[in-house]
Protein backbone atom coordinates (compact mmCIF):
# COMPACT_ATOMS: atom_id res chain seq x y z
CA UNK A 1 0.00 0.00 0.00
CA UNK A 2 1.35 3.41 -0.96
CA UNK A 3 0.56 6.30 1.38
CA UNK A 4 0.85 9.89 0.27
CA UNK A 5 3.01 12.31 2.23
CA UNK A 6 -0.12 14.24 3.28
CA UNK A 7 -1.84 11.09 4.57
CA UNK A 8 1.31 10.09 6.43
CA UNK A 9 1.63 13.53 7.98
CA UNK A 10 -2.05 13.65 8.99
CA UNK A 11 -1.91 10.17 10.52
CA UNK A 12 1.29 10.61 12.51
CA UNK A 13 0.86 14.21 13.63
CA UNK A 14 -2.65 13.86 15.04
CA UNK A 15 -2.53 14.33 18.79
CA UNK A 16 1.23 14.68 18.95
CA UNK A 17 2.85 17.49 20.87
CA UNK A 18 4.23 20.41 18.88
CA UNK A 19 6.20 21.94 21.78
CA UNK A 20 7.97 20.85 24.94
CA UNK A 21 6.53 21.55 28.36
CA UNK A 22 9.17 22.96 30.66
CA UNK A 23 9.16 23.51 34.39
CA UNK A 24 12.25 25.22 35.90
CA UNK A 25 12.20 25.08 39.69
CA UNK A 26 14.56 26.17 42.48
CA UNK A 27 14.11 25.53 46.22
CA UNK A 28 12.62 29.04 46.53
CA UNK A 29 10.17 29.15 43.65
CA UNK A 30 9.07 28.10 40.19
CA UNK A 31 11.13 30.20 37.77
CA UNK A 32 9.31 29.20 34.58
CA UNK A 33 6.48 26.94 33.56
CA UNK A 34 5.36 26.88 29.94
CA UNK A 35 5.87 25.66 26.40
CA UNK A 36 9.21 25.88 24.58
CA UNK A 37 10.61 24.63 21.29
CA UNK A 38 13.98 23.50 22.60
CA UNK A 39 16.20 23.66 25.65
CA UNK A 40 19.93 23.39 26.27
CA UNK A 41 21.25 22.32 29.65
CA UNK A 42 24.74 22.11 31.22
CA UNK A 43 25.28 18.38 31.66
CA UNK A 44 28.22 16.73 33.40
CA UNK A 45 29.78 15.83 30.02
CA UNK A 46 28.98 19.21 28.46
CA UNK A 47 25.91 21.08 27.23
CA UNK A 48 23.15 19.06 25.59
CA UNK A 49 20.04 20.11 23.67
CA UNK A 50 16.60 18.56 23.88
CA UNK A 51 14.17 18.88 20.98
CA UNK A 52 10.64 17.60 20.45
CA UNK A 53 10.30 13.81 20.86
CA UNK A 54 13.76 13.40 22.43
CA UNK A 55 14.33 10.07 24.12
CA UNK A 56 13.60 10.06 27.87
CA UNK A 57 16.56 11.17 29.98
CA UNK A 58 17.53 11.94 33.55
CA UNK A 59 20.73 13.95 33.91
CA UNK A 60 22.73 15.67 36.60
CA UNK A 61 23.39 19.32 35.80
CA UNK A 62 26.54 21.26 36.63
CA UNK A 63 26.88 25.01 37.07
CA UNK A 64 26.39 26.55 33.63
CA UNK A 65 24.06 28.25 31.19
CA UNK A 66 20.55 26.87 30.80
CA UNK A 67 18.74 28.16 27.71
CA UNK A 68 15.32 27.67 26.19
CA UNK A 69 13.89 28.94 22.91
CA UNK A 70 10.27 29.52 22.07
CA UNK A 71 7.94 30.88 19.41
CA UNK A 72 7.98 31.37 15.69
CA UNK A 73 8.42 34.45 13.51
CA UNK A 74 8.12 37.77 15.30
CA UNK A 75 7.09 36.16 18.59
CA UNK A 76 10.19 33.99 18.90
CA UNK A 77 12.57 34.42 21.78
CA UNK A 78 15.23 32.96 24.00
CA UNK A 79 15.79 33.00 27.74
CA UNK A 80 19.06 32.26 29.52
CA UNK A 81 19.68 31.38 33.15
CA UNK A 82 22.83 30.68 35.10
CA UNK A 83 22.21 27.43 36.99
CA UNK A 84 24.05 26.47 40.12
CA UNK A 85 23.65 22.77 39.28
CA UNK A 86 20.78 20.35 39.72
CA UNK A 87 18.90 17.67 37.80
CA UNK A 88 16.86 17.43 34.61
CA UNK A 89 14.22 14.82 33.84
CA UNK A 90 12.65 14.57 30.37
CA UNK A 91 9.85 12.19 29.42
CA UNK A 92 7.03 12.39 26.85
CA UNK A 93 7.95 15.95 25.79
CA UNK A 94 7.89 17.24 29.36
CA UNK A 95 11.04 18.53 31.06
CA UNK A 96 11.47 19.26 34.74
CA UNK A 97 14.61 21.06 35.87
CA UNK A 98 15.35 21.09 39.58
CA UNK A 99 18.12 23.65 40.06
CA UNK A 100 19.93 24.70 43.22
CA UNK A 101 19.77 28.26 41.84
CA UNK A 102 18.76 29.95 38.58
CA UNK A 103 19.56 33.59 37.87
CA UNK A 104 19.23 35.77 34.79
CA UNK A 105 22.68 36.99 33.69
CA UNK A 106 21.45 40.57 34.10
CA UNK A 107 20.78 39.91 37.81
CA UNK A 108 24.32 38.78 38.59
CA UNK A 109 26.46 41.06 40.73
CA UNK A 110 29.88 40.80 39.05
CA UNK A 111 31.84 42.17 42.03
CA UNK A 112 30.16 39.68 44.37
CA UNK A 113 30.87 36.78 42.00
CA UNK A 114 34.53 37.82 41.75
CA UNK A 115 34.78 37.96 45.56
CA UNK A 116 33.21 34.48 45.77
CA UNK A 117 35.73 33.15 43.29
CA UNK A 118 38.65 34.64 45.20
CA UNK A 119 37.35 33.27 48.52
CA UNK A 120 36.83 29.78 47.04
CA UNK A 121 40.29 29.70 45.48
CA UNK A 122 41.86 30.74 48.78
CA UNK A 123 40.01 27.95 50.55
CA UNK A 124 41.11 25.42 47.95
CA UNK A 125 44.74 26.33 48.58
CA UNK A 126 44.28 25.40 52.25
CA UNK A 127 42.10 22.35 51.65
CA UNK A 128 44.97 19.88 51.99
CA UNK A 129 45.23 20.40 55.74
CA UNK A 130 41.69 19.04 56.28
CA UNK A 131 40.21 22.20 57.81
CA UNK A 132 38.23 23.13 54.69
CA UNK A 133 35.40 21.22 52.96
CA UNK A 134 37.14 20.71 49.61
CA UNK A 135 34.03 19.67 47.66
CA UNK A 136 32.04 22.66 48.87
CA UNK A 137 34.88 25.07 48.01
CA UNK A 138 35.26 23.50 44.54
CA UNK A 139 31.51 23.81 43.87
CA UNK A 140 31.59 27.43 45.02
CA UNK A 141 34.53 28.14 42.71
CA UNK A 142 32.75 26.51 39.74
CA UNK A 143 29.53 28.47 40.35
CA UNK A 144 31.47 31.75 40.63
CA UNK A 145 33.36 31.09 37.38
CA UNK A 146 30.12 30.44 35.49
CA UNK A 147 28.47 33.56 36.95
CA UNK A 148 31.47 35.73 35.96
CA UNK A 149 31.60 34.29 32.44
CA UNK A 150 27.85 34.77 31.98
CA UNK A 151 27.99 38.37 33.15
CA UNK A 152 30.83 39.13 30.74
CA UNK A 153 29.22 37.35 27.76
CA UNK A 154 27.74 40.11 25.55
CA UNK A 155 25.06 37.89 23.98
CA UNK A 156 23.48 36.80 27.26
CA UNK A 157 20.78 38.85 28.87
């Protein structure tokens, strides 16, 4: 049996999602809940992008840029957040991001981030004597580096 392209399209697109549902949550609040066309998250092996009908995934997230894109034509847009780490779960075109923190690059205080980086690096130098929580200092350093880079990146808002 030969099926036309139109019949195939009508049959397989009926009832299927056309966008992803995204929920971005921190311990304090829900940052975003809505429909997006794609998202890019900072995974442990590097950034990864999820599009419509992506295979189910659960991933740890590291400090980095989380981005989602939405809309078509004149109503299209993009939002960027600096995540402090967390987890992402994606299943049946629905993504849930549980982040330790999520800030818009425009909300980042560069001087504060630079002070955090300096403090974390000082602690890491003394970590060998056992008086400092090495993992916590390393995580603080990584978050500060991402926040500084995001603030200095001209394309992020």
